[in-house]
PDB file of N, CA and C in Angstrom:
ATOM      1  N   UNK A   1     -93.762  55.067 -95.512  1.00  0.00           N
ATOM      2  CA  UNK A   1     -94.128  56.429 -95.814  1.00  0.00           C
ATOM      3  C   UNK A   1     -93.564  56.768 -97.177  1.00  0.00           C
ATOM      4  N   UNK A   2     -94.347  57.373 -98.051  1.00  0.00           N
ATOM      5  CA  UNK A   2     -93.882  57.786 -99.361  1.00  0.00           C
ATOM      6  C   UNK A   2     -93.905  59.287 -99.471  1.00  0.00           C
ATOM      7  N   UNK A   3     -93.488  59.777-100.605  1.00  0.00           N
ATOM      8  CA  UNK A   3     -93.511  61.218-100.840  1.00  0.00           C
ATOM      9  C   UNK A   3     -94.427  61.476-102.019  1.00  0.00           C
ATOM     10  N   UNK A   4     -95.289  62.451-101.873  1.00  0.00           N
ATOM     11  CA  UNK A   4     -96.189  62.850-102.940  1.00  0.00           C
ATOM     12  C   UNK A   4     -95.750  64.227-103.401  1.00  0.00           C
ATOM     13  N   UNK A   5     -95.514  64.383-104.703  1.00  0.00           N
ATOM     14  CA  UNK A   5     -95.107  65.670-105.258  1.00  0.00           C
ATOM     15  C   UNK A   5     -96.241  66.163-106.137  1.00  0.00           C
ATOM     16  N   UNK A   6     -96.681  67.371-105.877  1.00  0.00           N
ATOM     17  CA  UNK A   6     -97.752  67.981-106.651  1.00  0.00           C
ATOM     18  C   UNK A   6     -97.191  69.186-107.392  1.00  0.00           C
ATOM     19  N   UNK A   7     -97.402  69.253-108.701  1.00  0.00           N
ATOM     20  CA  UNK A   7     -96.948  70.393-109.488  1.00  0.00           C
ATOM     21  C   UNK A   7     -98.191  71.139-109.935  1.00  0.00           C
ATOM     22  N   UNK A   8     -98.240  72.417-109.581  1.00  0.00           N
ATOM     23  CA  UNK A   8     -99.413  73.215-109.910  1.00  0.00           C
ATOM     24  C   UNK A   8     -99.113  74.216-111.003  1.00  0.00           C
ATOM     25  N   UNK A   9    -100.105  75.012-111.332  1.00  0.00           N
ATOM     26  CA  UNK A   9     -99.958  76.048-112.341  1.00  0.00           C
ATOM     27  C   UNK A   9     -98.904  77.047-111.908  1.00  0.00           C
ATOM     28  N   UNK A  10     -98.173  77.560-112.861  1.00  0.00           N
ATOM     29  CA  UNK A  10     -97.166  78.567-112.557  1.00  0.00           C
ATOM     30  C   UNK A  10     -95.865  77.961-112.050  1.00  0.00           C
ATOM     31  N   UNK A  11     -95.749  76.646-112.078  1.00  0.00           N
ATOM     32  CA  UNK A  11     -94.494  76.015-111.695  1.00  0.00           C
ATOM     33  C   UNK A  11     -94.283  75.839-110.209  1.00  0.00           C
ATOM     34  N   UNK A  12     -95.268  76.131-109.385  1.00  0.00           N
ATOM     35  CA  UNK A  12     -95.119  75.927-107.948  1.00  0.00           C
ATOM     36  C   UNK A  12     -95.159  74.435-107.647  1.00  0.00           C
ATOM     37  N   UNK A  13     -94.316  74.020-106.729  1.00  0.00           N
ATOM     38  CA  UNK A  13     -94.259  72.615-106.352  1.00  0.00           C
ATOM     39  C   UNK A  13     -94.587  72.499-104.873  1.00  0.00           C
ATOM     40  N   UNK A  14     -95.463  71.584-104.547  1.00  0.00           N
ATOM     41  CA  UNK A  14     -95.784  71.304-103.145  1.00  0.00           C
ATOM     42  C   UNK A  14     -95.381  69.866-102.867  1.00  0.00           C
ATOM     43  N   UNK A  15     -94.687  69.667-101.778  1.00  0.00           N
ATOM     44  CA  UNK A  15     -94.255  68.327-101.400  1.00  0.00           C
ATOM     45  C   UNK A  15     -94.846  68.017-100.039  1.00  0.00           C
ATOM     46  N   UNK A  16     -95.428  66.835 -99.907  1.00  0.00           N
ATOM     47  CA  UNK A  16     -95.919  66.409 -98.603  1.00  0.00           C
ATOM     48  C   UNK A  16     -95.646  64.921 -98.459  1.00  0.00           C
ATOM     49  N   UNK A  17     -95.512  64.500 -97.239  1.00  0.00           N
ATOM     50  CA  UNK A  17     -95.285  63.088 -96.954  1.00  0.00           C
ATOM     51  C   UNK A  17     -96.632  62.397 -96.804  1.00  0.00           C
ATOM     52  N   UNK A  18     -96.720  61.196 -97.328  1.00  0.00           N
ATOM     53  CA  UNK A  18     -97.943  60.407 -97.194  1.00  0.00           C
ATOM     54  C   UNK A  18     -97.562  59.011 -96.724  1.00  0.00           C
ATOM     55  N   UNK A  19     -98.350  58.477 -95.823  1.00  0.00           N
ATOM     56  CA  UNK A  19     -98.107  57.111 -95.351  1.00  0.00           C
ATOM     57  C   UNK A  19     -98.619  56.124 -96.388  1.00  0.00           C
ATOM     58  N   UNK A  20     -97.921  55.021 -96.527  1.00  0.00           N
ATOM     59  CA  UNK A  20     -98.294  54.010 -97.512  1.00  0.00           C
ATOM     60  C   UNK A  20     -99.683  53.439 -97.249  1.00  0.00           C
ATOM     61  N   UNK A  21    -100.097  53.379 -95.981  1.00  0.00           N
ATOM     62  CA  UNK A  21    -101.408  52.814 -95.660  1.00  0.00           C
ATOM     63  C   UNK A  21    -102.535  53.836 -95.775  1.00  0.00           C
ATOM     64  N   UNK A  22    -102.199  55.065 -96.178  1.00  0.00           N
ATOM     65  CA  UNK A  22    -103.201  56.099 -96.372  1.00  0.00           C
ATOM     66  C   UNK A  22    -103.619  56.822 -95.110  1.00  0.00           C
ATOM     67  N   UNK A  23    -103.148  56.374 -93.945  1.00  0.00           N
ATOM     68  CA  UNK A  23    -103.522  57.024 -92.686  1.00  0.00           C
ATOM     69  C   UNK A  23    -102.745  58.319 -92.519  1.00  0.00           C
ATOM     70  N   UNK A  24    -103.330  59.241 -91.809  1.00  0.00           N
ATOM     71  CA  UNK A  24    -102.657  60.506 -91.530  1.00  0.00           C
ATOM     72  C   UNK A  24    -101.690  60.321 -90.371  1.00  0.00           C
ATOM     73  N   UNK A  25    -100.560  61.008 -90.445  1.00  0.00           N
ATOM     74  CA  UNK A  25     -99.599  60.976 -89.348  1.00  0.00           C
ATOM     75  C   UNK A  25    -100.136  61.807 -88.195  1.00  0.00           C
ATOM     76  N   UNK A  26     -99.791  61.407 -86.974  1.00  0.00           N
ATOM     77  CA  UNK A  26    -100.221  62.161 -85.795  1.00  0.00           C
ATOM     78  C   UNK A  26     -99.524  63.509 -85.768  1.00  0.00           C
ATOM     79  N   UNK A  27    -100.199  64.509 -85.285  1.00  0.00           N
ATOM     80  CA  UNK A  27     -99.630  65.840 -85.144  1.00  0.00           C
ATOM     81  C   UNK A  27     -98.625  65.814 -84.007  1.00  0.00           C
ATOM     82  N   UNK A  28     -97.301  66.018 -84.307  1.00  0.00           N
ATOM     83  CA  UNK A  28     -96.311  65.936 -83.239  1.00  0.00           C
ATOM     84  C   UNK A  28     -96.518  66.988 -82.157  1.00  0.00           C
ATOM     85  N   UNK A  29     -97.038  68.153 -82.523  1.00  0.00           N
ATOM     86  CA  UNK A  29     -97.270  69.196 -81.522  1.00  0.00           C
ATOM     87  C   UNK A  29     -98.336  68.752 -80.529  1.00  0.00           C
ATOM     88  N   UNK A  30     -99.389  68.131 -81.024  1.00  0.00           N
ATOM     89  CA  UNK A  30    -100.450  67.666 -80.129  1.00  0.00           C
ATOM     90  C   UNK A  30     -99.951  66.549 -79.226  1.00  0.00           C
ATOM     91  N   UNK A  31     -99.101  65.698 -79.768  1.00  0.00           N
ATOM     92  CA  UNK A  31     -98.585  64.568 -78.990  1.00  0.00           C
ATOM     93  C   UNK A  31     -97.617  65.016 -77.908  1.00  0.00           C
ATOM     94  N   UNK A  32     -97.070  66.208 -78.038  1.00  0.00           N
ATOM     95  CA  UNK A  32     -96.082  66.667 -77.068  1.00  0.00           C
ATOM     96  C   UNK A  32     -96.639  67.738 -76.130  1.00  0.00           C
ATOM     97  N   UNK A  33     -97.958  67.838 -76.023  1.00  0.00           N
ATOM     98  CA  UNK A  33     -98.578  68.771 -75.090  1.00  0.00           C
ATOM     99  C   UNK A  33     -99.469  67.999 -74.119  1.00  0.00           C
ATOM    100  N   UNK A  34     -99.337  68.338 -72.851  1.00  0.00           N
ATOM    101  CA  UNK A  34    -100.157  67.722 -71.809  1.00  0.00           C
ATOM    102  C   UNK A  34    -100.971  68.828 -71.153  1.00  0.00           C
ATOM    103  N   UNK A  35    -102.281  68.662 -71.115  1.00  0.00           N
ATOM    104  CA  UNK A  35    -103.145  69.633 -70.451  1.00  0.00           C
ATOM    105  C   UNK A  35    -103.378  69.195 -69.014  1.00  0.00           C
ATOM    106  N   UNK A  36    -103.438  70.170 -68.146  1.00  0.00           N
ATOM    107  CA  UNK A  36    -103.772  69.936 -66.741  1.00  0.00           C
ATOM    108  C   UNK A  36    -105.170  70.507 -66.544  1.00  0.00           C
ATOM    109  N   UNK A  37    -106.113  69.643 -66.201  1.00  0.00           N
ATOM    110  CA  UNK A  37    -107.495  70.088 -66.051  1.00  0.00           C
ATOM    111  C   UNK A  37    -108.226  69.161 -65.083  1.00  0.00           C
ATOM    112  N   UNK A  38    -109.019  69.751 -64.212  1.00  0.00           N
ATOM    113  CA  UNK A  38    -109.826  68.990 -63.258  1.00  0.00           C
ATOM    114  C   UNK A  38    -108.966  68.036 -62.417  1.00  0.00           C
ATOM    115  N   UNK A  39    -107.838  68.563 -61.931  1.00  0.00           N
ATOM    116  CA  UNK A  39    -106.911  67.797 -61.088  1.00  0.00           C
ATOM    117  C   UNK A  39    -106.371  66.547 -61.789  1.00  0.00           C
ATOM    118  N   UNK A  40    -106.170  66.647 -63.097  1.00  0.00           N
ATOM    119  CA  UNK A  40    -105.688  65.509 -63.875  1.00  0.00           C
ATOM    120  C   UNK A  40    -104.726  65.971 -64.964  1.00  0.00           C
ATOM    121  N   UNK A  41    -103.656  65.199 -65.182  1.00  0.00           N
ATOM    122  CA  UNK A  41    -102.836  65.360 -66.379  1.00  0.00           C
ATOM    123  C   UNK A  41    -103.581  64.596 -67.469  1.00  0.00           C
ATOM    124  N   UNK A  42    -104.032  65.300 -68.523  1.00  0.00           N
ATOM    125  CA  UNK A  42    -104.949  64.691 -69.488  1.00  0.00           C
ATOM    126  C   UNK A  42    -104.352  63.514 -70.239  1.00  0.00           C
ATOM    127  N   UNK A  43    -103.063  63.446 -70.361  1.00  0.00           N
ATOM    128  CA  UNK A  43    -102.419  62.257 -70.929  1.00  0.00           C
ATOM    129  C   UNK A  43    -101.675  61.580 -69.784  1.00  0.00           C
ATOM    130  N   UNK A  44    -102.198  60.455 -69.328  1.00  0.00           N
ATOM    131  CA  UNK A  44    -101.544  59.745 -68.223  1.00  0.00           C
ATOM    132  C   UNK A  44    -100.183  59.217 -68.636  1.00  0.00           C
ATOM    133  N   UNK A  45    -100.016  58.939 -69.920  1.00  0.00           N
ATOM    134  CA  UNK A  45     -98.732  58.482 -70.443  1.00  0.00           C
ATOM    135  C   UNK A  45     -98.618  58.934 -71.889  1.00  0.00           C
ATOM    136  N   UNK A  46     -97.504  59.582 -72.217  1.00  0.00           N
ATOM    137  CA  UNK A  46     -97.233  59.915 -73.613  1.00  0.00           C
ATOM    138  C   UNK A  46     -95.874  59.334 -73.969  1.00  0.00           C
ATOM    139  N   UNK A  47     -95.712  58.977 -75.232  1.00  0.00           N
ATOM    140  CA  UNK A  47     -94.447  58.461 -75.736  1.00  0.00           C
ATOM    141  C   UNK A  47     -93.951  59.413 -76.811  1.00  0.00           C
ATOM    142  N   UNK A  48     -92.703  59.864 -76.664  1.00  0.00           N
ATOM    143  CA  UNK A  48     -92.120  60.829 -77.591  1.00  0.00           C
ATOM    144  C   UNK A  48     -90.708  60.387 -77.957  1.00  0.00           C
ATOM    145  N   UNK A  49     -90.195  60.838 -79.107  1.00  0.00           N
ATOM    146  CA  UNK A  49     -88.809  60.532 -79.445  1.00  0.00           C
ATOM    147  C   UNK A  49     -87.835  61.419 -78.668  1.00  0.00           C
ATOM    148  N   UNK A  50     -86.601  60.936 -78.522  1.00  0.00           N
ATOM    149  CA  UNK A  50     -85.544  61.737 -77.889  1.00  0.00           C
ATOM    150  C   UNK A  50     -85.456  63.078 -78.614  1.00  0.00           C
ATOM    151  N   UNK A  51     -85.281  64.154 -77.862  1.00  0.00           N
ATOM    152  CA  UNK A  51     -85.170  65.496 -78.430  1.00  0.00           C
ATOM    153  C   UNK A  51     -86.478  66.261 -78.467  1.00  0.00           C
ATOM    154  N   UNK A  52     -87.564  65.638 -78.042  1.00  0.00           N
ATOM    155  CA  UNK A  52     -88.878  66.289 -78.050  1.00  0.00           C
ATOM    156  C   UNK A  52     -89.026  67.217 -76.856  1.00  0.00           C
ATOM    157  N   UNK A  53     -89.589  68.384 -77.103  1.00  0.00           N
ATOM    158  CA  UNK A  53     -89.946  69.301 -76.018  1.00  0.00           C
ATOM    159  C   UNK A  53     -91.423  69.087 -75.702  1.00  0.00           C
ATOM    160  N   UNK A  54     -91.704  68.725 -74.469  1.00  0.00           N
ATOM    161  CA  UNK A  54     -93.081  68.529 -74.017  1.00  0.00           C
ATOM    162  C   UNK A  54     -93.510  69.783 -73.267  1.00  0.00           C
ATOM    163  N   UNK A  55     -94.722  70.237 -73.535  1.00  0.00           N
ATOM    164  CA  UNK A  55     -95.265  71.423 -72.876  1.00  0.00           C
ATOM    165  C   UNK A  55     -96.515  71.040 -72.095  1.00  0.00           C
ATOM    166  N   UNK A  56     -96.549  71.456 -70.842  1.00  0.00           N
ATOM    167  CA  UNK A  56     -97.723  71.272 -69.988  1.00  0.00           C
ATOM    168  C   UNK A  56     -98.441  72.611 -69.916  1.00  0.00           C
ATOM    169  N   UNK A  57     -99.774  72.591 -70.019  1.00  0.00           N
ATOM    170  CA  UNK A  57    -100.590  73.801 -69.958  1.00  0.00           C
ATOM    171  C   UNK A  57    -101.627  73.609 -68.862  1.00  0.00           C
ATOM    172  N   UNK A  58    -101.664  74.538 -67.903  1.00  0.00           N
ATOM    173  CA  UNK A  58    -102.642  74.448 -66.819  1.00  0.00           C
ATOM    174  C   UNK A  58    -103.959  75.080 -67.255  1.00  0.00           C
ATOM    175  N   UNK A  59    -104.980  74.260 -67.429  1.00  0.00           N
ATOM    176  CA  UNK A  59    -106.322  74.736 -67.790  1.00  0.00           C
ATOM    177  C   UNK A  59    -107.248  74.752 -66.573  1.00  0.00           C
ATOM    178  N   UNK A  60    -106.690  74.436 -65.414  1.00  0.00           N
ATOM    179  CA  UNK A  60    -107.475  74.419 -64.183  1.00  0.00           C
ATOM    180  C   UNK A  60    -107.553  75.824 -63.591  1.00  0.00           C
ATOM    181  N   UNK A  61    -108.478  76.011 -62.665  1.00  0.00           N
ATOM    182  CA  UNK A  61    -108.651  77.310 -62.010  1.00  0.00           C
ATOM    183  C   UNK A  61    -107.737  77.493 -60.808  1.00  0.00           C
ATOM    184  N   UNK A  62    -106.950  76.485 -60.496  1.00  0.00           N
ATOM    185  CA  UNK A  62    -106.042  76.564 -59.352  1.00  0.00           C
ATOM    186  C   UNK A  62    -104.635  76.178 -59.796  1.00  0.00           C
ATOM    187  N   UNK A  63    -103.615  76.584 -59.031  1.00  0.00           N
ATOM    188  CA  UNK A  63    -102.233  76.283 -59.424  1.00  0.00           C
ATOM    189  C   UNK A  63    -101.899  74.793 -59.344  1.00  0.00           C
ATOM    190  N   UNK A  64    -100.981  74.391 -60.210  1.00  0.00           N
ATOM    191  CA  UNK A  64    -100.424  73.040 -60.219  1.00  0.00           C
ATOM    192  C   UNK A  64     -98.940  73.144 -60.547  1.00  0.00           C
ATOM    193  N   UNK A  65     -98.195  72.078 -60.265  1.00  0.00           N
ATOM    194  CA  UNK A  65     -96.790  72.002 -60.658  1.00  0.00           C
ATOM    195  C   UNK A  65     -96.584  70.732 -61.475  1.00  0.00           C
ATOM    196  N   UNK A  66     -95.421  70.664 -62.112  1.00  0.00           N
ATOM    197  CA  UNK A  66     -95.000  69.478 -62.854  1.00  0.00           C
ATOM    198  C   UNK A  66     -93.598  69.150 -62.354  1.00  0.00           C
ATOM    199  N   UNK A  67     -93.465  68.042 -61.612  1.00  0.00           N
ATOM    200  CA  UNK A  67     -92.196  67.698 -60.964  1.00  0.00           C
ATOM    201  C   UNK A  67     -91.870  66.236 -61.257  1.00  0.00           C
ATOM    202  N   UNK A  68     -90.683  65.981 -61.805  1.00  0.00           N
ATOM    203  CA  UNK A  68     -90.294  64.588 -62.063  1.00  0.00           C
ATOM    204  C   UNK A  68     -89.805  63.943 -60.777  1.00  0.00           C
ATOM    205  N   UNK A  69     -90.081  62.663 -60.635  1.00  0.00           N
ATOM    206  CA  UNK A  69     -89.654  61.939 -59.433  1.00  0.00           C
ATOM    207  C   UNK A  69     -88.142  61.856 -59.325  1.00  0.00           C
ATOM    208  N   UNK A  70     -87.452  61.847 -60.471  1.00  0.00           N
ATOM    209  CA  UNK A  70     -85.992  61.720 -60.444  1.00  0.00           C
ATOM    210  C   UNK A  70     -85.267  63.064 -60.403  1.00  0.00           C
ATOM    211  N   UNK A  71     -86.010  64.169 -60.335  1.00  0.00           N
ATOM    212  CA  UNK A  71     -85.404  65.492 -60.253  1.00  0.00           C
ATOM    213  C   UNK A  71     -84.952  66.077 -61.584  1.00  0.00           C
ATOM    214  N   UNK A  72     -85.292  65.444 -62.703  1.00  0.00           N
ATOM    215  CA  UNK A  72     -84.866  65.932 -64.018  1.00  0.00           C
ATOM    216  C   UNK A  72     -85.510  67.273 -64.378  1.00  0.00           C
ATOM    217  N   UNK A  73     -86.735  67.513 -63.929  1.00  0.00           N
ATOM    218  CA  UNK A  73     -87.399  68.789 -64.206  1.00  0.00           C
ATOM    219  C   UNK A  73     -88.358  69.134 -63.080  1.00  0.00           C
ATOM    220  N   UNK A  74     -88.597  70.438 -62.932  1.00  0.00           N
ATOM    221  CA  UNK A  74     -89.488  70.937 -61.883  1.00  0.00           C
ATOM    222  C   UNK A  74     -89.992  72.313 -62.303  1.00  0.00           C
ATOM    223  N   UNK A  75     -91.304  72.445 -62.388  1.00  0.00           N
ATOM    224  CA  UNK A  75     -91.880  73.741 -62.745  1.00  0.00           C
ATOM    225  C   UNK A  75     -92.140  74.565 -61.494  1.00  0.00           C
ATOM    226  N   UNK A  76     -92.342  75.839 -61.713  1.00  0.00           N
ATOM    227  CA  UNK A  76     -92.883  76.697 -60.656  1.00  0.00           C
ATOM    228  C   UNK A  76     -94.376  76.394 -60.580  1.00  0.00           C
ATOM    229  N   UNK A  77     -95.080  76.982 -59.649  1.00  0.00           N
ATOM    230  CA  UNK A  77     -96.537  76.836 -59.598  1.00  0.00           C
ATOM    231  C   UNK A  77     -97.119  77.490 -60.848  1.00  0.00           C
ATOM    232  N   UNK A  78     -97.907  76.733 -61.583  1.00  0.00           N
ATOM    233  CA  UNK A  78     -98.509  77.223 -62.822  1.00  0.00           C
ATOM    234  C   UNK A  78     -99.933  77.679 -62.550  1.00  0.00           C
ATOM    235  N   UNK A  79    -100.188  78.961 -62.773  1.00  0.00           N
ATOM    236  CA  UNK A  79    -101.545  79.481 -62.658  1.00  0.00           C
ATOM    237  C   UNK A  79    -102.320  79.131 -63.927  1.00  0.00           C
ATOM    238  N   UNK A  80    -103.595  79.481 -63.973  1.00  0.00           N
ATOM    239  CA  UNK A  80    -104.429  79.190 -65.133  1.00  0.00           C
ATOM    240  C   UNK A  80    -103.783  79.714 -66.410  1.00  0.00           C
ATOM    241  N   UNK A  81    -103.693  78.853 -67.415  1.00  0.00           N
ATOM    242  CA  UNK A  81    -103.118  79.129 -68.740  1.00  0.00           C
ATOM    243  C   UNK A  81    -101.597  79.266 -68.757  1.00  0.00           C
ATOM    244  N   UNK A  82    -100.927  79.121 -67.619  1.00  0.00           N
ATOM    245  CA  UNK A  82     -99.461  79.112 -67.618  1.00  0.00           C
ATOM    246  C   UNK A  82     -98.965  77.825 -68.262  1.00  0.00           C
ATOM    247  N   UNK A  83     -97.742  77.898 -68.815  1.00  0.00           N
ATOM    248  CA  UNK A  83     -97.134  76.749 -69.480  1.00  0.00           C
ATOM    249  C   UNK A  83     -95.762  76.465 -68.889  1.00  0.00           C
ATOM    250  N   UNK A  84     -95.373  75.203 -68.979  1.00  0.00           N
ATOM    251  CA  UNK A  84     -94.032  74.764 -68.601  1.00  0.00           C
ATOM    252  C   UNK A  84     -93.569  73.777 -69.663  1.00  0.00           C
ATOM    253  N   UNK A  85     -92.328  73.940 -70.134  1.00  0.00           N
ATOM    254  CA  UNK A  85     -91.794  73.047 -71.158  1.00  0.00           C
ATOM    255  C   UNK A  85     -90.483  72.440 -70.705  1.00  0.00           C
ATOM    256  N   UNK A  86     -90.228  71.220 -71.180  1.00  0.00           N
ATOM    257  CA  UNK A  86     -88.971  70.529 -70.899  1.00  0.00           C
ATOM    258  C   UNK A  86     -88.604  69.700 -72.116  1.00  0.00           C
ATOM    259  N   UNK A  87     -87.324  69.800 -72.533  1.00  0.00           N
ATOM    260  CA  UNK A  87     -86.828  69.030 -73.674  1.00  0.00           C
ATOM    261  C   UNK A  87     -86.177  67.753 -73.166  1.00  0.00           C
ATOM    262  N   UNK A  88     -86.655  66.616 -73.653  1.00  0.00           N
ATOM    263  CA  UNK A  88     -86.158  65.310 -73.225  1.00  0.00           C
ATOM    264  C   UNK A  88     -85.011  64.874 -74.134  1.00  0.00           C
ATOM    265  N   UNK A  89     -83.790  64.906 -73.606  1.00  0.00           N
ATOM    266  CA  UNK A  89     -82.608  64.581 -74.409  1.00  0.00           C
ATOM    267  C   UNK A  89     -82.084  63.166 -74.168  1.00  0.00           C
ATOM    268  N   UNK A  90     -82.657  62.459 -73.206  1.00  0.00           N
ATOM    269  CA  UNK A  90     -82.227  61.094 -72.889  1.00  0.00           C
ATOM    270  C   UNK A  90     -83.431  60.152 -72.908  1.00  0.00           C
ATOM    271  N   UNK A  91     -83.260  58.935 -73.441  1.00  0.00           N
ATOM    272  CA  UNK A  91     -84.363  57.975 -73.398  1.00  0.00           C
ATOM    273  C   UNK A  91     -84.642  57.520 -71.973  1.00  0.00           C
ATOM    274  N   UNK A  92     -85.856  57.082 -71.744  1.00  0.00           N
ATOM    275  CA  UNK A  92     -86.235  56.576 -70.424  1.00  0.00           C
ATOM    276  C   UNK A  92     -87.692  56.861 -70.134  1.00  0.00           C
ATOM    277  N   UNK A  93     -88.124  56.437 -68.968  1.00  0.00           N
ATOM    278  CA  UNK A  93     -89.484  56.708 -68.508  1.00  0.00           C
ATOM    279  C   UNK A  93     -89.396  57.698 -67.364  1.00  0.00           C
ATOM    280  N   UNK A  94     -90.051  58.835 -67.533  1.00  0.00           N
ATOM    281  CA  UNK A  94     -90.019  59.918 -66.560  1.00  0.00           C
ATOM    282  C   UNK A  94     -91.380  60.000 -65.873  1.00  0.00           C
ATOM    283  N   UNK A  95     -91.429  59.590 -64.619  1.00  0.00           N
ATOM    284  CA  UNK A  95     -92.653  59.683 -63.823  1.00  0.00           C
ATOM    285  C   UNK A  95     -92.689  61.074 -63.200  1.00  0.00           C
ATOM    286  N   UNK A  96     -93.864  61.705 -63.218  1.00  0.00           N
ATOM    287  CA  UNK A  96     -93.969  63.044 -62.637  1.00  0.00           C
ATOM    288  C   UNK A  96     -95.288  63.205 -61.897  1.00  0.00           C
ATOM    289  N   UNK A  97     -95.357  64.297 -61.117  1.00  0.00           N
ATOM    290  CA  UNK A  97     -96.524  64.541 -60.269  1.00  0.00           C
ATOM    291  C   UNK A  97     -96.669  66.034 -60.033  1.00  0.00           C
ATOM    292  N   UNK A  98     -97.784  66.425 -59.422  1.00  0.00           N
ATOM    293  CA  UNK A  98     -98.004  67.804 -58.973  1.00  0.00           C
ATOM    294  C   UNK A  98     -97.613  67.850 -57.500  1.00  0.00           C
ATOM    295  N   UNK A  99     -96.665  68.705 -57.144  1.00  0.00           N
ATOM    296  CA  UNK A  99     -96.214  68.756 -55.744  1.00  0.00           C
ATOM    297  C   UNK A  99     -97.273  69.352 -54.817  1.00  0.00           C
ATOM    298  N   UNK A 100     -98.234  70.074 -55.367  1.00  0.00           N
ATOM    299  CA  UNK A 100     -99.319  70.642 -54.566  1.00  0.00           C
ATOM    300  C   UNK A 100    -100.404  69.585 -54.331  1.00  0.00           C
ATOM    301  N   UNK A 101    -100.587  68.721 -55.316  1.00  0.00           N
ATOM    302  CA  UNK A 101    -101.611  67.664 -55.272  1.00  0.00           C
ATOM    303  C   UNK A 101    -100.933  66.347 -55.666  1.00  0.00           C
ATOM    304  N   UNK A 102    -100.208  65.713 -54.742  1.00  0.00           N
ATOM    305  CA  UNK A 102     -99.360  64.558 -55.072  1.00  0.00           C
ATOM    306  C   UNK A 102    -100.068  63.336 -55.664  1.00  0.00           C
ATOM    307  N   UNK A 103    -101.389  63.286 -55.577  1.00  0.00           N
ATOM    308  CA  UNK A 103    -102.097  62.159 -56.195  1.00  0.00           C
ATOM    309  C   UNK A 103    -102.219  62.329 -57.709  1.00  0.00           C
ATOM    310  N   UNK A 104    -101.889  63.514 -58.207  1.00  0.00           N
ATOM    311  CA  UNK A 104    -101.863  63.763 -59.650  1.00  0.00           C
ATOM    312  C   UNK A 104    -100.531  63.239 -60.181  1.00  0.00           C
ATOM    313  N   UNK A 105    -100.571  62.174 -60.954  1.00  0.00           N
ATOM    314  CA  UNK A 105     -99.349  61.575 -61.489  1.00  0.00           C
ATOM    315  C   UNK A 105     -99.531  61.216 -62.963  1.00  0.00           C
ATOM    316  N   UNK A 106     -98.405  61.106 -63.662  1.00  0.00           N
ATOM    317  CA  UNK A 106     -98.405  60.684 -65.064  1.00  0.00           C
ATOM    318  C   UNK A 106     -96.965  60.352 -65.446  1.00  0.00           C
ATOM    319  N   UNK A 107     -96.752  60.058 -66.735  1.00  0.00           N
ATOM    320  CA  UNK A 107     -95.401  59.726 -67.174  1.00  0.00           C
ATOM    321  C   UNK A 107     -95.171  60.138 -68.621  1.00  0.00           C
ATOM    322  N   UNK A 108     -93.887  60.356 -68.928  1.00  0.00           N
ATOM    323  CA  UNK A 108     -93.437  60.573 -70.297  1.00  0.00           C
ATOM    324  C   UNK A 108     -92.449  59.458 -70.604  1.00  0.00           C
ATOM    325  N   UNK A 109     -92.694  58.728 -71.685  1.00  0.00           N
ATOM    326  CA  UNK A 109     -91.781  57.677 -72.134  1.00  0.00           C
ATOM    327  C   UNK A 109     -91.019  58.236 -73.330  1.00  0.00           C
ATOM    328  N   UNK A 110     -89.692  58.256 -73.224  1.00  0.00           N
ATOM    329  CA  UNK A 110     -88.841  58.816 -74.273  1.00  0.00           C
ATOM    330  C   UNK A 110     -88.076  57.672 -74.926  1.00  0.00           C
ATOM    331  N   UNK A 111     -88.238  57.538 -76.253  1.00  0.00           N
ATOM    332  CA  UNK A 111     -87.563  56.459 -76.997  1.00  0.00           C
ATOM    333  C   UNK A 111     -86.660  57.017 -78.063  1.00  0.00           C
TER     334      UNK A 111
END
């Protein structure tokens, strides 16, 4: 990753990071959000760095929960458009499910 510095009229400076291969970096906000829709966690597995806050958003018409198998986090029942967030401070693989619909499962991998 390199740094690109742009100097514009009037002395304003804009700095942005650019990858050496020219590809755009993934949006960290998008990578740390999981949508719940049609009885599915839309990302069956996401990988995030330690310290990331992941947010689940219920887009379904019925309530769902987000509960880790190891007890690290547990949401209340989320109605339509409700959100639940959890900050992952330890590395590991966190398997989770909906306690109302236990066949709904997914995981967060924290590195």
